[in-house]
Amino acid sequence: MLYSKYQHNGWTHSDTTMVKRKDGTEKAVLNTKWTQKGRLGLYEVLKQHNIYPMIEQLMEV
């Protein structure tokens, strides 16, 4: 869940896709994805709280 204070930073991108149901009708599905800017921003926020990805934790051993 992206907090409101980060929602206007360009950290995510959303697009709508039409999906066909079994009965032939269509429905709109919203897909939200992290941008590279968002991945880096999230990394920096977590780093401030001393939370690092597993790969970095394994490299320290």
PDB file of N, CA and C in Angstrom:
ATOM      1  N   MET A   1       0.855  -1.170   0.000  1.00  0.00           N
ATOM      2  CA  MET A   1       0.000   0.000   0.000  1.00  0.00           C
ATOM      3  C   MET A   1       0.899   1.231   0.000  1.00  0.00           C
ATOM      4  N   LEU A   2       0.705   2.081  -0.962  1.00  0.00           N
ATOM      5  CA  LEU A   2       1.510   3.286  -1.078  1.00  0.00           C
ATOM      6  C   LEU A   2       0.838   4.422  -0.308  1.00  0.00           C
ATOM      7  N   TYR A   3       1.536   4.947   0.702  1.00  0.00           N
ATOM      8  CA  TYR A   3       0.976   6.025   1.514  1.00  0.00           C
ATOM      9  C   TYR A   3       0.772   7.282   0.681  1.00  0.00           C
ATOM     10  N   SER A   4      -0.212   8.090   1.076  1.00  0.00           N
ATOM     11  CA  SER A   4      -0.591   9.272   0.303  1.00  0.00           C
ATOM     12  C   SER A   4       0.562  10.257   0.122  1.00  0.00           C
ATOM     13  N   LYS A   5       1.472  10.337   1.092  1.00  0.00           N
ATOM     14  CA  LYS A   5       2.573  11.295   0.949  1.00  0.00           C
ATOM     15  C   LYS A   5       3.539  10.912  -0.173  1.00  0.00           C
ATOM     16  N   TYR A   6       3.458   9.668  -0.659  1.00  0.00           N
ATOM     17  CA  TYR A   6       4.328   9.221  -1.753  1.00  0.00           C
ATOM     18  C   TYR A   6       3.580   9.067  -3.075  1.00  0.00           C
ATOM     19  N   GLN A   7       2.264   9.249  -3.082  1.00  0.00           N
ATOM     20  CA  GLN A   7       1.469   8.950  -4.265  1.00  0.00           C
ATOM     21  C   GLN A   7       1.734   9.872  -5.457  1.00  0.00           C
ATOM     22  N   HIS A   8       2.213  11.065  -5.218  1.00  0.00           N
ATOM     23  CA  HIS A   8       2.428  12.005  -6.325  1.00  0.00           C
ATOM     24  C   HIS A   8       3.895  12.155  -6.688  1.00  0.00           C
ATOM     25  N   ASN A   9       4.712  11.163  -6.317  1.00  0.00           N
ATOM     26  CA  ASN A   9       6.143  11.205  -6.615  1.00  0.00           C
ATOM     27  C   ASN A   9       6.510  10.454  -7.885  1.00  0.00           C
ATOM     28  N   GLY A  10       5.537   9.871  -8.562  1.00  0.00           N
ATOM     29  CA  GLY A  10       5.834   9.107  -9.772  1.00  0.00           C
ATOM     30  C   GLY A  10       6.415   7.737  -9.457  1.00  0.00           C
ATOM     31  N   TRP A  11       6.117   7.201  -8.282  1.00  0.00           N
ATOM     32  CA  TRP A  11       6.665   5.913  -7.873  1.00  0.00           C
ATOM     33  C   TRP A  11       5.899   4.740  -8.448  1.00  0.00           C
ATOM     34  N   THR A  12       4.664   4.964  -8.872  1.00  0.00           N
ATOM     35  CA  THR A  12       3.870   3.897  -9.473  1.00  0.00           C
ATOM     36  C   THR A  12       3.237   4.391 -10.767  1.00  0.00           C
ATOM     37  N   HIS A  13       2.833   3.442 -11.578  1.00  0.00           N
ATOM     38  CA  HIS A  13       2.124   3.750 -12.822  1.00  0.00           C
ATOM     39  C   HIS A  13       0.941   2.793 -12.915  1.00  0.00           C
ATOM     40  N   SER A  14      -0.227   3.314 -13.207  1.00  0.00           N
ATOM     41  CA  SER A  14      -1.421   2.487 -13.328  1.00  0.00           C
ATOM     42  C   SER A  14      -1.967   2.549 -14.741  1.00  0.00           C
ATOM     43  N   ASP A  15      -2.492   1.426 -15.196  1.00  0.00           N
ATOM     44  CA  ASP A  15      -3.177   1.405 -16.483  1.00  0.00           C
ATOM     45  C   ASP A  15      -4.360   0.456 -16.386  1.00  0.00           C
ATOM     46  N   THR A  16      -5.318   0.687 -17.247  1.00  0.00           N
ATOM     47  CA  THR A  16      -6.544  -0.097 -17.253  1.00  0.00           C
ATOM     48  C   THR A  16      -6.534  -1.040 -18.450  1.00  0.00           C
ATOM     49  N   THR A  17      -6.876  -2.297 -18.194  1.00  0.00           N
ATOM     50  CA  THR A  17      -6.932  -3.312 -19.231  1.00  0.00           C
ATOM     51  C   THR A  17      -8.340  -3.902 -19.238  1.00  0.00           C
ATOM     52  N   MET A  18      -8.873  -4.126 -20.407  1.00  0.00           N
ATOM     53  CA  MET A  18     -10.173  -4.775 -20.530  1.00  0.00           C
ATOM     54  C   MET A  18      -9.946  -6.292 -20.598  1.00  0.00           C
ATOM     55  N   VAL A  19     -10.678  -7.027 -19.750  1.00  0.00           N
ATOM     56  CA  VAL A  19     -10.541  -8.479 -19.663  1.00  0.00           C
ATOM     57  C   VAL A  19     -11.890  -9.115 -19.983  1.00  0.00           C
ATOM     58  N   LYS A  20     -11.865 -10.148 -20.824  1.00  0.00           N
ATOM     59  CA  LYS A  20     -13.095 -10.852 -21.167  1.00  0.00           C
ATOM     60  C   LYS A  20     -13.439 -11.867 -20.093  1.00  0.00           C
ATOM     61  N   ARG A  21     -14.694 -11.852 -19.687  1.00  0.00           N
ATOM     62  CA  ARG A  21     -15.201 -12.840 -18.735  1.00  0.00           C
ATOM     63  C   ARG A  21     -15.634 -14.094 -19.484  1.00  0.00           C
ATOM     64  N   LYS A  22     -15.902 -15.158 -18.746  1.00  0.00           N
ATOM     65  CA  LYS A  22     -16.342 -16.425 -19.371  1.00  0.00           C
ATOM     66  C   LYS A  22     -17.632 -16.267 -20.157  1.00  0.00           C
ATOM     67  N   ASP A  23     -18.502 -15.353 -19.692  1.00  0.00           N
ATOM     68  CA  ASP A  23     -19.791 -15.173 -20.380  1.00  0.00           C
ATOM     69  C   ASP A  23     -19.690 -14.248 -21.594  1.00  0.00           C
ATOM     70  N   GLY A  24     -18.468 -13.799 -21.924  1.00  0.00           N
ATOM     71  CA  GLY A  24     -18.260 -12.965 -23.101  1.00  0.00           C
ATOM     72  C   GLY A  24     -18.273 -11.467 -22.837  1.00  0.00           C
ATOM     73  N   THR A  25     -18.755 -11.053 -21.679  1.00  0.00           N
ATOM     74  CA  THR A  25     -18.736  -9.627 -21.348  1.00  0.00           C
ATOM     75  C   THR A  25     -17.326  -9.222 -20.944  1.00  0.00           C
ATOM     76  N   GLU A  26     -17.097  -7.932 -20.926  1.00  0.00           N
ATOM     77  CA  GLU A  26     -15.778  -7.418 -20.551  1.00  0.00           C
ATOM     78  C   GLU A  26     -15.860  -6.623 -19.263  1.00  0.00           C
ATOM     79  N   LYS A  27     -14.754  -6.614 -18.536  1.00  0.00           N
ATOM     80  CA  LYS A  27     -14.660  -5.771 -17.360  1.00  0.00           C
ATOM     81  C   LYS A  27     -13.316  -5.069 -17.376  1.00  0.00           C
ATOM     82  N   ALA A  28     -13.285  -3.895 -16.754  1.00  0.00           N
ATOM     83  CA  ALA A  28     -12.045  -3.119 -16.669  1.00  0.00           C
ATOM     84  C   ALA A  28     -11.274  -3.553 -15.425  1.00  0.00           C
ATOM     85  N   VAL A  29      -9.968  -3.802 -15.600  1.00  0.00           N
ATOM     86  CA  VAL A  29      -9.099  -4.199 -14.501  1.00  0.00           C
ATOM     87  C   VAL A  29      -7.971  -3.180 -14.399  1.00  0.00           C
ATOM     88  N   LEU A  30      -7.782  -2.639 -13.214  1.00  0.00           N
ATOM     89  CA  LEU A  30      -6.727  -1.659 -12.982  1.00  0.00           C
ATOM     90  C   LEU A  30      -5.464  -2.376 -12.521  1.00  0.00           C
ATOM     91  N   ASN A  31      -4.352  -2.123 -13.199  1.00  0.00           N
ATOM     92  CA  ASN A  31      -3.057  -2.699 -12.834  1.00  0.00           C
ATOM     93  C   ASN A  31      -2.128  -1.570 -12.416  1.00  0.00           C
ATOM     94  N   THR A  32      -1.538  -1.701 -11.239  1.00  0.00           N
ATOM     95  CA  THR A  32      -0.586  -0.711 -10.744  1.00  0.00           C
ATOM     96  C   THR A  32       0.770  -1.381 -10.607  1.00  0.00           C
ATOM     97  N   LYS A  33       1.801  -0.729 -11.146  1.00  0.00           N
ATOM     98  CA  LYS A  33       3.160  -1.285 -11.123  1.00  0.00           C
ATOM     99  C   LYS A  33       4.129  -0.247 -10.575  1.00  0.00           C
ATOM    100  N   TRP A  34       5.177  -0.723  -9.920  1.00  0.00           N
ATOM    101  CA  TRP A  34       6.234   0.160  -9.427  1.00  0.00           C
ATOM    102  C   TRP A  34       7.071   0.636 -10.600  1.00  0.00           C
ATOM    103  N   THR A  35       7.454   1.910 -10.588  1.00  0.00           N
ATOM    104  CA  THR A  35       8.401   2.431 -11.568  1.00  0.00           C
ATOM    105  C   THR A  35       9.804   2.246 -11.001  1.00  0.00           C
ATOM    106  N   GLN A  36      10.819   2.434 -11.824  1.00  0.00           N
ATOM    107  CA  GLN A  36      12.190   2.353 -11.333  1.00  0.00           C
ATOM    108  C   GLN A  36      12.423   3.428 -10.278  1.00  0.00           C
ATOM    109  N   LYS A  37      11.882   4.614 -10.503  1.00  0.00           N
ATOM    110  CA  LYS A  37      11.988   5.687  -9.518  1.00  0.00           C
ATOM    111  C   LYS A  37      11.360   5.256  -8.192  1.00  0.00           C
ATOM    112  N   GLY A  38      10.244   4.540  -8.259  1.00  0.00           N
ATOM    113  CA  GLY A  38       9.573   4.053  -7.067  1.00  0.00           C
ATOM    114  C   GLY A  38      10.374   2.983  -6.344  1.00  0.00           C
ATOM    115  N   ARG A  39      10.997   2.097  -7.101  1.00  0.00           N
ATOM    116  CA  ARG A  39      11.828   1.062  -6.487  1.00  0.00           C
ATOM    117  C   ARG A  39      12.985   1.685  -5.726  1.00  0.00           C
ATOM    118  N   LEU A  40      13.617   2.658  -6.341  1.00  0.00           N
ATOM    119  CA  LEU A  40      14.737   3.340  -5.684  1.00  0.00           C
ATOM    120  C   LEU A  40      14.268   4.152  -4.488  1.00  0.00           C
ATOM    121  N   GLY A  41      13.134   4.815  -4.620  1.00  0.00           N
ATOM    122  CA  GLY A  41      12.596   5.606  -3.526  1.00  0.00           C
ATOM    123  C   GLY A  41      12.219   4.739  -2.341  1.00  0.00           C
ATOM    124  N   LEU A  42      11.580   3.606  -2.611  1.00  0.00           N
ATOM    125  CA  LEU A  42      11.213   2.673  -1.554  1.00  0.00           C
ATOM    126  C   LEU A  42      12.458   2.132  -0.859  1.00  0.00           C
ATOM    127  N   TYR A  43      13.476   1.815  -1.637  1.00  0.00           N
ATOM    128  CA  TYR A  43      14.742   1.342  -1.072  1.00  0.00           C
ATOM    129  C   TYR A  43      15.312   2.381  -0.100  1.00  0.00           C
ATOM    130  N   GLU A  44      15.296   3.644  -0.492  1.00  0.00           N
ATOM    131  CA  GLU A  44      15.843   4.701   0.369  1.00  0.00           C
ATOM    132  C   GLU A  44      15.025   4.883   1.646  1.00  0.00           C
ATOM    133  N   VAL A  45      13.709   4.812   1.534  1.00  0.00           N
ATOM    134  CA  VAL A  45      12.850   4.937   2.720  1.00  0.00           C
ATOM    135  C   VAL A  45      13.122   3.787   3.688  1.00  0.00           C
ATOM    136  N   LEU A  46      13.202   2.571   3.167  1.00  0.00           N
ATOM    137  CA  LEU A  46      13.462   1.417   4.022  1.00  0.00           C
ATOM    138  C   LEU A  46      14.863   1.472   4.625  1.00  0.00           C
ATOM    139  N   LYS A  47      15.832   1.942   3.840  1.00  0.00           N
ATOM    140  CA  LYS A  47      17.212   2.052   4.318  1.00  0.00           C
ATOM    141  C   LYS A  47      17.302   2.994   5.524  1.00  0.00           C
ATOM    142  N   GLN A  48      16.499   4.053   5.544  1.00  0.00           N
ATOM    143  CA  GLN A  48      16.473   4.982   6.673  1.00  0.00           C
ATOM    144  C   GLN A  48      16.043   4.281   7.959  1.00  0.00           C
ATOM    145  N   HIS A  49      15.317   3.170   7.825  1.00  0.00           N
ATOM    146  CA  HIS A  49      14.850   2.399   8.979  1.00  0.00           C
ATOM    147  C   HIS A  49      15.674   1.120   9.171  1.00  0.00           C
ATOM    148  N   ASN A  50      16.857   1.080   8.537  1.00  0.00           N
ATOM    149  CA  ASN A  50      17.765  -0.080   8.606  1.00  0.00           C
ATOM    150  C   ASN A  50      17.108  -1.376   8.140  1.00  0.00           C
ATOM    151  N   ILE A  51      16.285  -1.275   7.107  1.00  0.00           N
ATOM    152  CA  ILE A  51      15.669  -2.449   6.488  1.00  0.00           C
ATOM    153  C   ILE A  51      16.281  -2.594   5.095  1.00  0.00           C
ATOM    154  N   TYR A  52      16.936  -3.746   4.865  1.00  0.00           N
ATOM    155  CA  TYR A  52      17.631  -3.970   3.603  1.00  0.00           C
ATOM    156  C   TYR A  52      17.106  -5.235   2.928  1.00  0.00           C
ATOM    157  N   PRO A  53      17.228  -5.312   1.595  1.00  0.00           N
ATOM    158  CA  PRO A  53      16.807  -6.516   0.881  1.00  0.00           C
ATOM    159  C   PRO A  53      17.613  -7.729   1.340  1.00  0.00           C
ATOM    160  N   MET A  54      17.037  -8.907   1.216  1.00  0.00           N
ATOM    161  CA  MET A  54      17.712 -10.141   1.623  1.00  0.00           C
ATOM    162  C   MET A  54      19.063 -10.299   0.938  1.00  0.00           C
ATOM    163  N   ILE A  55      19.170  -9.934  -0.320  1.00  0.00           N
ATOM    164  CA  ILE A  55      20.425 -10.097  -1.048  1.00  0.00           C
ATOM    165  C   ILE A  55      21.550  -9.305  -0.393  1.00  0.00           C
ATOM    166  N   GLU A  56      21.238  -8.131   0.119  1.00  0.00           N
ATOM    167  CA  GLU A  56      22.257  -7.340   0.788  1.00  0.00           C
ATOM    168  C   GLU A  56      22.578  -7.901   2.171  1.00  0.00           C
ATOM    169  N   GLN A  57      21.606  -8.494   2.823  1.00  0.00           N
ATOM    170  CA  GLN A  57      21.838  -9.105   4.125  1.00  0.00           C
ATOM    171  C   GLN A  57      22.749 -10.321   3.975  1.00  0.00           C
ATOM    172  N   LEU A  58      22.568 -11.083   2.901  1.00  0.00           N
ATOM    173  CA  LEU A  58      23.379 -12.270   2.655  1.00  0.00           C
ATOM    174  C   LEU A  58      24.815 -11.910   2.308  1.00  0.00           C
ATOM    175  N   MET A  59      25.015 -10.760   1.669  1.00  0.00           N
ATOM    176  CA  MET A  59      26.353 -10.339   1.258  1.00  0.00           C
ATOM    177  C   MET A  59      27.195  -9.940   2.460  1.00  0.00           C
ATOM    178  N   GLU A  60      26.577  -9.562   3.580  1.00  0.00           N
ATOM    179  CA  GLU A  60      27.307  -9.119   4.752  1.00  0.00           C
ATOM    180  C   GLU A  60      27.874 -10.302   5.542  1.00  0.00           C
ATOM    181  N   VAL A  61      27.330 -11.496   5.324  1.00  0.00           N
ATOM    182  CA  VAL A  61      27.746 -12.679   6.106  1.00  0.00           C
ATOM    183  C   VAL A  61      29.098 -13.151   5.697  1.00  0.00           C
TER     184      VAL A  61
END
